[in-house]
Amino acid sequence: MCKNYKKIAFIWTILFVNSAFALSSSSFLISKTAINLFDFETAYTELLSTEKDLRKSELENQLLVSINLNYLEEAQKIALKLIEINDDHEEALLVILSYAKSNNDTHTFKKYSKNIKKYNLEMLNYIFFLPDGKIKTNTENSRSIFEIIQTSNENLVSKKVNYNYLLFYLSIANILDKNFHETNFYTAQIYQFLKNYSKAEYYYSKISNNHSLYIESQKNIAINKSKEGFFQQGEKKLLNLTNIYQDDLELKLALAELYRLKKKYEDAIFYYSQIIDNTNSSSDEIWHILYLRGICFERLDKWNLAEKDFIKSLELINYESADVLNYLAYGWLERDINIDKAMKMLIKANKNEPDNHYILDSLAWAYYKKKDFKKAAELMEEVISIAPSEIISLDHLADIYLALNRKREAIYLWKQVLDIANPEDIILNDVKKKLEKNNAG
């Protein structure tokens, strides 16, 4: 492990954040947009059409795009131009040294590796050299890059991260060792996070079927198919995988989730039950599976079964999940049972997650059930300020206003619900009846 590992990770983060785009023509404007959309093919075409005498920022764009398309030889030529401008340019040196290593060009490697010592480039030193000064193998180079990426993992969801440069380094790692499938998997996950599912599938598909990440990759392809609107393709792929790997509970969980999100609750329950029946009840995750199965039972109007799952889930984690507390308590409130117990649960859930407006809605509704309409209105108004288009909360607040004899405001809110609700929302008929009853004349 590198002595200055954390320092290197910090340098790595800075590299992600910095990205300059100089615009000298319409081609550069188009290429910039394409790069921002991770459309490196279009960016490459536009960059090729530009003039030969390019500025540093424009060369950096070309370097980025060429590597992300795995055009290493072309990237090396661009990197040499960048070194003429700035001989401590880390990305350019990384490309030149990687190209030299890929072609067993020891002369070029020795020539430019001197820049690492000259400018004390710690990250490049870690990638290419062992602590005793010996040169690492290509496989070791690839893994060193990947280790730095993993160290910076907490930054992946930050708005400051430049995903283009993250993909750039992953591409270098993959060029140095094509059999290091972790780089393909990580690249696929980035594209998945960016909702570019076709590119995510491309990289997931490159992972060998004898690799430990193969099943996870195939599972993600199936899930992404459903996200793209191709539910049947995703379902078929997951069913095939579960038939092949019958003991893999993660695949069954993915299938259950696929069905739950598609509102095919009976099918979801079938697979959740298989997981529950084949998992030790003390497992860290079983409480969550019980919670998810409970949601499905509740949606099928099988409250007794849902209630059992919610209670068992809470017992396994000492009543510490705000989501489960909320779901169970709200279910009781809707059925006018265990009102006091529900209130206590919701106060605890709200304390654990004070910014969760769903829990705040349930707590306000508990005060309504307790006929403390003033407190209920205060909390529900706060919910609406956080989520002004939440139709259930608008309906709840209308009910509370009506109880406070604020009939005009209640009618206004019910009309708001009708304006923004979707035709399939089950709340619509109930709201229409309330309007007809309270808006006569």
Protein backbone atom coordinates (compact mmCIF):
# COMPACT_ATOMS: atom_id res chain seq x y z
CA MET A 1 0.00 0.00 0.00
CA CYS A 2 1.28 3.43 -0.93
CA LYS A 3 2.41 5.54 2.00
CA ASN A 4 0.72 8.67 0.65
CA TYR A 5 -2.42 6.84 -0.44
CA LYS A 6 -4.92 9.35 0.93
CA LYS A 7 -2.95 12.21 -0.54
CA ILE A 8 -3.06 10.50 -3.94
CA ALA A 9 -6.82 10.06 -3.60
CA PHE A 10 -7.12 13.80 -2.96
CA ILE A 11 -5.07 14.57 -6.08
CA TRP A 12 -7.32 12.14 -7.97
CA THR A 13 -10.43 14.03 -6.85
CA ILE A 14 -8.96 17.33 -7.98
CA LEU A 15 -8.32 15.83 -11.40
CA PHE A 16 -11.98 14.82 -11.66
CA VAL A 17 -13.18 18.31 -10.85
CA ASN A 18 -11.00 20.18 -13.33
CA SER A 19 -12.15 20.23 -16.92
CA ALA A 20 -11.76 23.07 -19.39
CA PHE A 21 -13.54 23.40 -22.68
CA ALA A 22 -12.35 26.07 -25.10
CA LEU A 23 -14.74 26.90 -27.87
CA SER A 24 -13.19 28.09 -31.13
CA SER A 25 -15.86 26.93 -33.60
CA SER A 26 -19.25 25.30 -33.94
CA SER A 27 -17.48 21.94 -33.99
CA PHE A 28 -16.08 22.56 -30.55
CA LEU A 29 -19.49 23.66 -29.32
CA ILE A 30 -21.00 20.42 -30.61
CA SER A 31 -18.11 18.37 -29.24
CA LYS A 32 -18.48 19.98 -25.82
CA THR A 33 -22.16 19.09 -25.73
CA ALA A 34 -21.38 15.55 -26.88
CA ILE A 35 -18.71 15.13 -24.21
CA ASN A 36 -21.14 16.35 -21.55
CA LEU A 37 -23.59 13.72 -22.79
CA PHE A 38 -20.84 11.04 -22.84
CA ASP A 39 -21.36 10.69 -26.60
CA PHE A 40 -17.67 10.24 -27.38
CA GLU A 41 -18.32 9.01 -30.94
CA THR A 42 -19.94 12.31 -31.97
CA ALA A 43 -17.35 14.31 -30.05
CA TYR A 44 -14.57 12.47 -31.86
CA THR A 45 -16.08 13.19 -35.29
CA GLU A 46 -16.45 16.89 -34.49
CA LEU A 47 -12.96 17.22 -33.02
CA LEU A 48 -11.43 15.68 -36.14
CA SER A 49 -12.94 18.44 -38.26
CA THR A 50 -11.14 21.22 -36.37
CA GLU A 51 -7.97 23.04 -37.31
CA LYS A 52 -4.59 21.47 -36.67
CA ASP A 53 -3.13 24.14 -34.37
CA LEU A 54 -5.08 23.46 -31.22
CA ARG A 55 -4.88 25.03 -27.80
CA LYS A 56 -4.13 23.06 -24.66
CA SER A 57 -7.78 22.73 -23.58
CA GLU A 58 -8.76 21.54 -27.05
CA LEU A 59 -5.98 18.95 -27.08
CA GLU A 60 -7.17 17.79 -23.65
CA ASN A 61 -10.64 17.24 -25.08
CA GLN A 62 -9.16 15.18 -27.91
CA LEU A 63 -7.07 13.17 -25.45
CA LEU A 64 -10.10 12.47 -23.27
CA VAL A 65 -12.29 11.38 -26.17
CA SER A 66 -9.61 9.24 -27.84
CA ILE A 67 -8.91 7.28 -24.66
CA ASN A 68 -12.60 6.82 -23.85
CA LEU A 69 -12.95 5.29 -27.32
CA ASN A 70 -9.83 3.15 -26.73
CA TYR A 71 -7.88 4.85 -29.54
CA LEU A 72 -4.60 4.57 -27.67
CA GLU A 73 -2.24 5.21 -30.58
CA GLU A 74 -4.04 8.40 -31.54
CA ALA A 75 -4.22 9.47 -27.91
CA GLN A 76 -0.45 9.00 -27.60
CA LYS A 77 0.17 11.47 -30.46
CA ILE A 78 -2.09 14.02 -28.76
CA ALA A 79 -0.35 13.42 -25.43
CA LEU A 80 3.06 14.17 -26.99
CA LYS A 81 1.70 17.55 -28.18
CA LEU A 82 0.45 18.30 -24.67
CA ILE A 83 3.84 17.46 -23.17
CA GLU A 84 5.45 20.00 -25.49
CA ILE A 85 3.15 22.61 -23.95
CA ASN A 86 3.32 21.37 -20.37
CA ASP A 87 5.84 18.65 -19.52
CA ASP A 88 4.24 17.81 -16.15
CA HIS A 89 0.77 17.16 -17.64
CA GLU A 90 -0.34 14.06 -15.71
CA GLU A 91 -2.99 12.70 -18.09
CA ALA A 92 -0.64 13.13 -21.06
CA LEU A 93 2.19 11.37 -19.22
CA LEU A 94 -0.18 8.59 -18.17
CA VAL A 95 -1.13 8.01 -21.82
CA ILE A 96 2.47 8.14 -23.10
CA LEU A 97 3.75 5.75 -20.43
CA SER A 98 0.79 3.38 -20.86
CA TYR A 99 1.30 3.33 -24.62
CA ALA A 100 5.03 2.64 -24.16
CA LYS A 101 4.30 -0.21 -21.74
CA SER A 102 1.67 -1.70 -24.05
CA ASN A 103 4.25 -1.76 -26.86
CA ASN A 104 7.23 -2.81 -24.70
CA ASP A 105 8.93 0.47 -25.61
CA THR A 106 11.42 0.74 -22.74
CA HIS A 107 13.24 3.71 -24.28
CA THR A 108 10.13 5.94 -24.37
CA PHE A 109 9.10 4.77 -20.92
CA LYS A 110 12.49 5.67 -19.40
CA LYS A 111 12.56 9.02 -21.20
CA TYR A 112 9.20 10.26 -19.93
CA SER A 113 9.14 8.53 -16.54
CA LYS A 114 11.87 10.99 -15.54
CA ASN A 115 9.16 13.67 -15.49
CA ILE A 116 7.48 11.83 -12.62
CA LYS A 117 10.53 12.27 -10.37
CA LYS A 118 11.28 15.76 -11.68
CA TYR A 119 7.84 17.08 -10.71
CA ASN A 120 7.14 14.66 -7.84
CA LEU A 121 3.97 13.34 -9.49
CA GLU A 122 2.85 11.03 -6.69
CA MET A 123 -0.14 9.47 -8.39
CA LEU A 124 1.82 8.46 -11.48
CA ASN A 125 4.65 7.21 -9.29
CA TYR A 126 2.17 4.98 -7.46
CA ILE A 127 0.67 3.69 -10.71
CA PHE A 128 3.95 2.78 -12.41
CA PHE A 129 6.53 2.10 -9.69
CA LEU A 130 6.96 -0.16 -6.67
CA PRO A 131 8.28 1.36 -3.41
CA ASP A 132 11.78 0.05 -4.23
CA GLY A 133 11.74 1.87 -7.58
CA LYS A 134 11.14 -1.18 -9.75
CA ILE A 135 8.66 -0.84 -12.61
CA LYS A 136 5.28 -2.48 -12.08
CA THR A 137 3.78 -4.88 -14.60
CA ASN A 138 0.86 -3.83 -16.81
CA THR A 139 -1.49 -5.81 -14.61
CA GLU A 140 -0.15 -4.07 -11.51
CA ASN A 141 -0.49 -0.68 -13.26
CA SER A 142 -4.14 -1.43 -14.01
CA ARG A 143 -4.88 -2.49 -10.45
CA SER A 144 -3.12 0.55 -9.03
CA ILE A 145 -5.39 2.83 -11.06
CA PHE A 146 -8.41 0.87 -9.91
CA GLU A 147 -7.36 1.10 -6.26
CA ILE A 148 -7.20 4.88 -6.56
CA ILE A 149 -10.66 4.90 -8.15
CA GLN A 150 -12.05 2.81 -5.30
CA THR A 151 -10.49 5.13 -2.73
CA SER A 152 -12.38 7.99 -4.33
CA ASN A 153 -15.64 6.03 -4.44
CA GLU A 154 -17.40 8.33 -1.95
CA ASN A 155 -17.13 11.15 -4.49
CA LEU A 156 -19.00 9.33 -7.26
CA VAL A 157 -22.39 10.87 -6.58
CA SER A 158 -21.01 14.36 -6.05
CA LYS A 159 -21.97 17.02 -8.57
CA LYS A 160 -18.31 18.07 -8.63
CA VAL A 161 -17.13 14.77 -10.09
CA ASN A 162 -16.15 14.87 -13.74
CA TYR A 163 -17.33 11.47 -14.93
CA ASN A 164 -15.55 11.89 -18.24
CA TYR A 165 -12.19 11.86 -16.49
CA LEU A 166 -13.25 8.99 -14.27
CA LEU A 167 -14.08 7.00 -17.40
CA PHE A 168 -10.77 8.16 -18.89
CA TYR A 169 -8.76 6.53 -16.08
CA LEU A 170 -10.88 3.39 -16.17
CA SER A 171 -10.23 3.13 -19.91
CA ILE A 172 -6.48 3.37 -19.30
CA ALA A 173 -6.73 0.62 -16.68
CA ASN A 174 -8.65 -1.55 -19.13
CA ILE A 175 -6.14 -0.90 -21.92
CA LEU A 176 -3.28 -1.98 -19.65
CA ASP A 177 -5.07 -5.21 -18.65
CA LYS A 178 -8.05 -6.29 -20.76
CA ASN A 179 -8.68 -9.27 -18.46
CA PHE A 180 -9.18 -7.10 -15.38
CA HIS A 181 -12.98 -7.19 -15.52
CA GLU A 182 -13.45 -5.00 -12.46
CA THR A 183 -12.77 -2.01 -14.72
CA ASN A 184 -15.56 -3.07 -17.10
CA PHE A 185 -17.93 -3.55 -14.20
CA TYR A 186 -17.10 -0.18 -12.66
CA THR A 187 -17.42 1.56 -16.03
CA ALA A 188 -20.80 -0.08 -16.52
CA GLN A 189 -21.92 1.09 -13.09
CA ILE A 190 -21.00 4.67 -13.92
CA TYR A 191 -23.05 4.56 -17.12
CA GLN A 192 -25.88 2.93 -15.18
CA PHE A 193 -25.73 5.74 -12.61
CA LEU A 194 -25.85 8.22 -15.50
CA LYS A 195 -28.86 6.30 -16.92
CA ASN A 196 -27.01 5.49 -20.12
CA TYR A 197 -28.23 1.91 -20.06
CA SER A 198 -27.07 0.88 -23.54
CA LYS A 199 -23.44 1.71 -22.71
CA ALA A 200 -23.82 0.09 -19.30
CA GLU A 201 -24.98 -3.11 -21.01
CA TYR A 202 -22.02 -2.96 -23.43
CA TYR A 203 -19.52 -2.99 -20.56
CA TYR A 204 -21.43 -5.49 -18.41
CA SER A 205 -21.50 -7.82 -21.43
CA LYS A 206 -17.70 -7.78 -21.66
CA ILE A 207 -17.37 -9.56 -18.31
CA SER A 208 -16.45 -13.22 -18.67
CA ASN A 209 -19.03 -15.83 -17.58
CA ASN A 210 -16.46 -17.43 -15.27
CA HIS A 211 -15.82 -14.19 -13.39
CA SER A 212 -17.29 -13.53 -9.94
CA LEU A 213 -18.98 -10.36 -11.24
CA TYR A 214 -20.72 -12.12 -14.14
CA ILE A 215 -24.04 -12.89 -12.40
CA GLU A 216 -24.24 -9.39 -10.92
CA SER A 217 -23.55 -7.91 -14.35
CA GLN A 218 -26.23 -9.97 -16.06
CA LYS A 219 -28.68 -9.14 -13.29
CA ASN A 220 -28.02 -5.42 -13.77
CA ILE A 221 -28.56 -5.73 -17.53
CA ALA A 222 -31.98 -7.28 -16.85
CA ILE A 223 -32.96 -4.60 -14.31
CA ASN A 224 -31.86 -1.86 -16.67
CA LYS A 225 -33.98 -3.38 -19.45
CA SER A 226 -37.01 -2.88 -17.25
CA LYS A 227 -35.99 0.69 -16.45
CA GLU A 228 -35.82 1.40 -20.19
CA GLY A 229 -39.39 0.15 -20.57
CA PHE A 230 -38.55 -3.35 -21.78
CA PHE A 231 -40.06 -5.19 -18.81
CA GLN A 232 -40.60 -8.52 -20.57
CA GLN A 233 -36.98 -8.66 -21.76
CA GLY A 234 -35.73 -7.93 -18.27
CA GLU A 235 -38.12 -10.46 -16.75
CA LYS A 236 -37.11 -13.17 -19.22
CA LYS A 237 -33.41 -12.60 -18.60
CA LEU A 238 -33.83 -12.76 -14.82
CA LEU A 239 -36.00 -15.89 -15.01
CA ASN A 240 -33.33 -17.59 -17.15
CA LEU A 241 -30.64 -16.60 -14.67
CA THR A 242 -32.63 -17.87 -11.67
CA ASN A 243 -33.16 -21.19 -13.47
CA ILE A 244 -29.42 -21.55 -14.05
CA TYR A 245 -28.31 -20.26 -10.63
CA GLN A 246 -31.14 -21.61 -8.49
CA ASP A 247 -29.39 -21.00 -5.16
CA ASP A 248 -28.60 -17.35 -5.86
CA LEU A 249 -30.95 -15.39 -3.59
CA GLU A 250 -29.76 -12.06 -4.96
CA LEU A 251 -31.22 -12.98 -8.35
CA LYS A 252 -34.53 -13.88 -6.73
CA LEU A 253 -34.50 -10.60 -4.87
CA ALA A 254 -33.92 -8.73 -8.14
CA LEU A 255 -36.83 -10.60 -9.71
CA ALA A 256 -39.06 -9.86 -6.72
CA GLU A 257 -38.17 -6.16 -6.96
CA LEU A 258 -38.85 -6.17 -10.67
CA TYR A 259 -42.35 -7.52 -10.03
CA ARG A 260 -43.05 -5.21 -7.07
CA LEU A 261 -42.14 -2.10 -9.06
CA LYS A 262 -44.34 -3.37 -11.91
CA LYS A 263 -47.16 -3.84 -9.35
CA LYS A 264 -47.24 -7.60 -9.98
CA TYR A 265 -47.50 -8.16 -6.25
CA GLU A 266 -48.41 -11.88 -6.21
CA ASP A 267 -45.31 -12.69 -8.25
CA ALA A 268 -43.17 -10.48 -6.02
CA ILE A 269 -44.49 -12.22 -2.90
CA PHE A 270 -43.63 -15.62 -4.39
CA TYR A 271 -39.94 -14.72 -4.69
CA TYR A 272 -39.74 -12.70 -1.46
CA SER A 273 -41.14 -15.78 0.32
CA GLN A 274 -38.49 -18.03 -1.22
CA ILE A 275 -35.79 -15.70 0.10
CA ILE A 276 -37.36 -15.52 3.57
CA ASP A 277 -37.82 -19.30 3.74
CA ASN A 278 -34.21 -19.95 2.72
CA THR A 279 -32.49 -17.30 4.83
CA ASN A 280 -31.58 -17.39 8.50
CA SER A 281 -34.03 -15.18 10.42
CA SER A 282 -31.08 -13.43 12.10
CA SER A 283 -29.71 -12.28 8.75
CA ASP A 284 -28.97 -8.57 8.58
CA GLU A 285 -31.17 -8.16 5.51
CA ILE A 286 -34.17 -10.37 6.25
CA TRP A 287 -36.00 -7.57 8.10
CA HIS A 288 -36.00 -5.53 4.89
CA ILE A 289 -37.32 -8.44 2.80
CA LEU A 290 -40.17 -8.85 5.30
CA TYR A 291 -40.91 -5.14 4.97
CA LEU A 292 -41.03 -5.36 1.16
CA ARG A 293 -43.26 -8.44 1.23
CA GLY A 294 -45.48 -6.64 3.73
CA ILE A 295 -45.90 -3.76 1.27
CA CYS A 296 -47.04 -6.23 -1.39
CA PHE A 297 -49.56 -7.85 0.98
CA GLU A 298 -50.89 -4.39 1.88
CA ARG A 299 -51.29 -3.43 -1.78
CA LEU A 300 -53.30 -6.63 -2.29
CA ASP A 301 -55.51 -5.63 0.66
CA LYS A 302 -54.22 -8.53 2.77
CA TRP A 303 -53.64 -6.40 5.84
CA ASN A 304 -53.38 -9.23 8.37
CA LEU A 305 -50.46 -10.75 6.47
CA ALA A 306 -48.87 -7.34 5.88
CA GLU A 307 -49.16 -6.45 9.57
CA LYS A 308 -47.42 -9.71 10.59
CA ASP A 309 -44.51 -8.98 8.25
CA PHE A 310 -44.14 -5.38 9.47
CA ILE A 311 -44.19 -6.41 13.13
CA LYS A 312 -41.71 -9.24 12.57
CA SER A 313 -39.46 -6.87 10.62
CA LEU A 314 -39.46 -4.36 13.47
CA GLU A 315 -38.81 -7.04 16.08
CA LEU A 316 -35.67 -8.14 14.21
CA ILE A 317 -34.17 -4.64 14.32
CA ASN A 318 -35.47 -3.48 17.68
CA TYR A 319 -38.03 -1.11 16.14
CA GLU A 320 -35.33 1.06 14.56
CA SER A 321 -36.49 1.44 10.93
CA ALA A 322 -38.33 4.71 10.33
CA ASP A 323 -39.81 3.38 7.08
CA VAL A 324 -41.29 0.24 8.65
CA LEU A 325 -42.55 2.19 11.67
CA ASN A 326 -44.26 4.61 9.30
CA TYR A 327 -45.83 1.97 7.09
CA LEU A 328 -47.24 -0.06 10.00
CA ALA A 329 -48.43 2.98 11.95
CA TYR A 330 -50.13 4.54 8.93
CA GLY A 331 -51.84 1.23 8.18
CA TRP A 332 -53.30 1.26 11.70
CA LEU A 333 -54.41 4.89 11.36
CA GLU A 334 -56.23 4.15 8.12
CA ARG A 335 -58.09 1.32 9.86
CA ASP A 336 -58.75 3.35 13.03
CA ILE A 337 -56.93 0.85 15.25
CA ASN A 338 -54.00 1.18 17.71
CA ILE A 339 -54.08 4.98 17.33
CA ASP A 340 -52.02 5.71 20.47
CA LYS A 341 -49.40 3.08 19.58
CA ALA A 342 -49.23 4.40 16.03
CA MET A 343 -48.69 7.93 17.37
CA LYS A 344 -45.72 6.79 19.49
CA MET A 345 -44.21 4.94 16.54
CA LEU A 346 -44.53 7.97 14.26
CA ILE A 347 -43.01 10.33 16.83
CA LYS A 348 -40.01 7.99 16.98
CA ALA A 349 -39.83 7.67 13.19
CA ASN A 350 -40.02 11.45 12.78
CA LYS A 351 -37.24 11.89 15.34
CA ASN A 352 -35.05 9.44 13.40
CA GLU A 353 -35.82 11.06 10.01
CA PRO A 354 -37.09 14.61 10.58
CA ASP A 355 -36.76 15.56 6.89
CA ASN A 356 -38.90 12.68 5.61
CA HIS A 357 -42.16 14.31 4.50
CA TYR A 358 -43.94 10.96 4.18
CA ILE A 359 -43.41 10.30 7.90
CA LEU A 360 -44.40 13.88 8.73
CA ASP A 361 -47.64 13.36 6.76
CA SER A 362 -48.40 10.21 8.77
CA LEU A 363 -47.68 12.01 12.05
CA ALA A 364 -50.00 14.87 11.06
CA TRP A 365 -52.66 12.30 10.21
CA ALA A 366 -52.22 10.70 13.63
CA TYR A 367 -52.95 14.07 15.27
CA TYR A 368 -56.02 14.34 13.02
CA LYS A 369 -57.20 10.94 14.24
CA LYS A 370 -56.64 12.14 17.81
CA LYS A 371 -58.80 15.19 16.91
CA ASP A 372 -55.93 17.62 17.55
CA PHE A 373 -56.76 19.43 14.31
CA LYS A 374 -54.63 22.52 14.98
CA LYS A 375 -51.45 20.46 15.40
CA ALA A 376 -52.42 18.28 12.44
CA ALA A 377 -52.81 21.36 10.22
CA GLU A 378 -49.48 22.79 11.36
CA LEU A 379 -47.60 19.60 10.45
CA MET A 380 -49.47 18.94 7.21
CA GLU A 381 -48.84 22.50 6.02
CA GLU A 382 -45.15 21.83 6.57
CA VAL A 383 -45.49 18.70 4.42
CA ILE A 384 -47.07 20.72 1.61
CA SER A 385 -44.29 23.30 1.80
CA ILE A 386 -41.79 20.47 1.21
CA ALA A 387 -43.81 18.54 -1.39
CA PRO A 388 -46.49 20.86 -2.87
CA SER A 389 -47.65 18.31 -5.47
CA GLU A 390 -48.16 15.38 -3.09
CA ILE A 391 -51.84 14.65 -3.77
CA ILE A 392 -52.45 12.45 -0.72
CA SER A 393 -51.06 15.16 1.55
CA LEU A 394 -53.22 17.77 -0.18
CA ASP A 395 -56.26 15.57 0.41
CA HIS A 396 -55.27 15.07 4.05
CA LEU A 397 -54.84 18.80 4.59
CA ALA A 398 -58.25 19.41 2.99
CA ASP A 399 -59.81 16.95 5.45
CA ILE A 400 -58.06 18.70 8.33
CA TYR A 401 -59.24 22.15 7.13
CA LEU A 402 -62.80 20.85 6.87
CA ALA A 403 -62.57 19.63 10.47
CA LEU A 404 -61.44 23.16 11.42
CA ASN A 405 -64.47 24.63 9.59
CA ARG A 406 -62.17 26.04 6.89
CA LYS A 407 -64.42 24.65 4.17
CA ARG A 408 -63.45 27.09 1.42
CA GLU A 409 -59.75 26.20 1.76
CA ALA A 410 -60.58 22.50 1.82
CA ILE A 411 -62.52 22.79 -1.44
CA TYR A 412 -59.66 24.68 -3.04
CA LEU A 413 -57.21 21.89 -2.10
CA TRP A 414 -59.47 19.13 -3.43
CA LYS A 415 -59.70 21.01 -6.73
CA GLN A 416 -55.90 21.17 -6.74
CA VAL A 417 -55.81 17.40 -6.35
CA LEU A 418 -58.08 16.95 -9.38
CA ASP A 419 -55.89 19.28 -11.44
CA ILE A 420 -52.58 17.48 -10.79
CA ALA A 421 -53.58 13.85 -10.21
CA ASN A 422 -53.08 11.18 -12.85
CA PRO A 423 -56.21 9.46 -14.24
CA GLU A 424 -55.19 6.15 -12.67
CA ASP A 425 -54.76 7.55 -9.12
CA ILE A 426 -57.19 5.68 -6.87
CA ILE A 427 -57.70 8.78 -4.75
CA LEU A 428 -59.66 10.58 -7.49
CA ASN A 429 -63.11 9.06 -6.94
CA ASP A 430 -62.96 9.75 -3.20
CA VAL A 431 -61.94 13.38 -3.78
CA LYS A 432 -64.73 13.90 -6.32
CA LYS A 433 -67.27 12.62 -3.79
CA LYS A 434 -65.93 15.03 -1.14
CA LEU A 435 -66.24 17.92 -3.56
CA GLU A 436 -69.79 16.99 -4.53
CA LYS A 437 -70.76 16.74 -0.87
CA ASN A 438 -69.13 19.98 0.29
CA ASN A 439 -69.40 22.18 -2.81
CA ALA A 440 -73.15 21.98 -3.42
CA GLY A 441 -74.32 25.19 -4.99
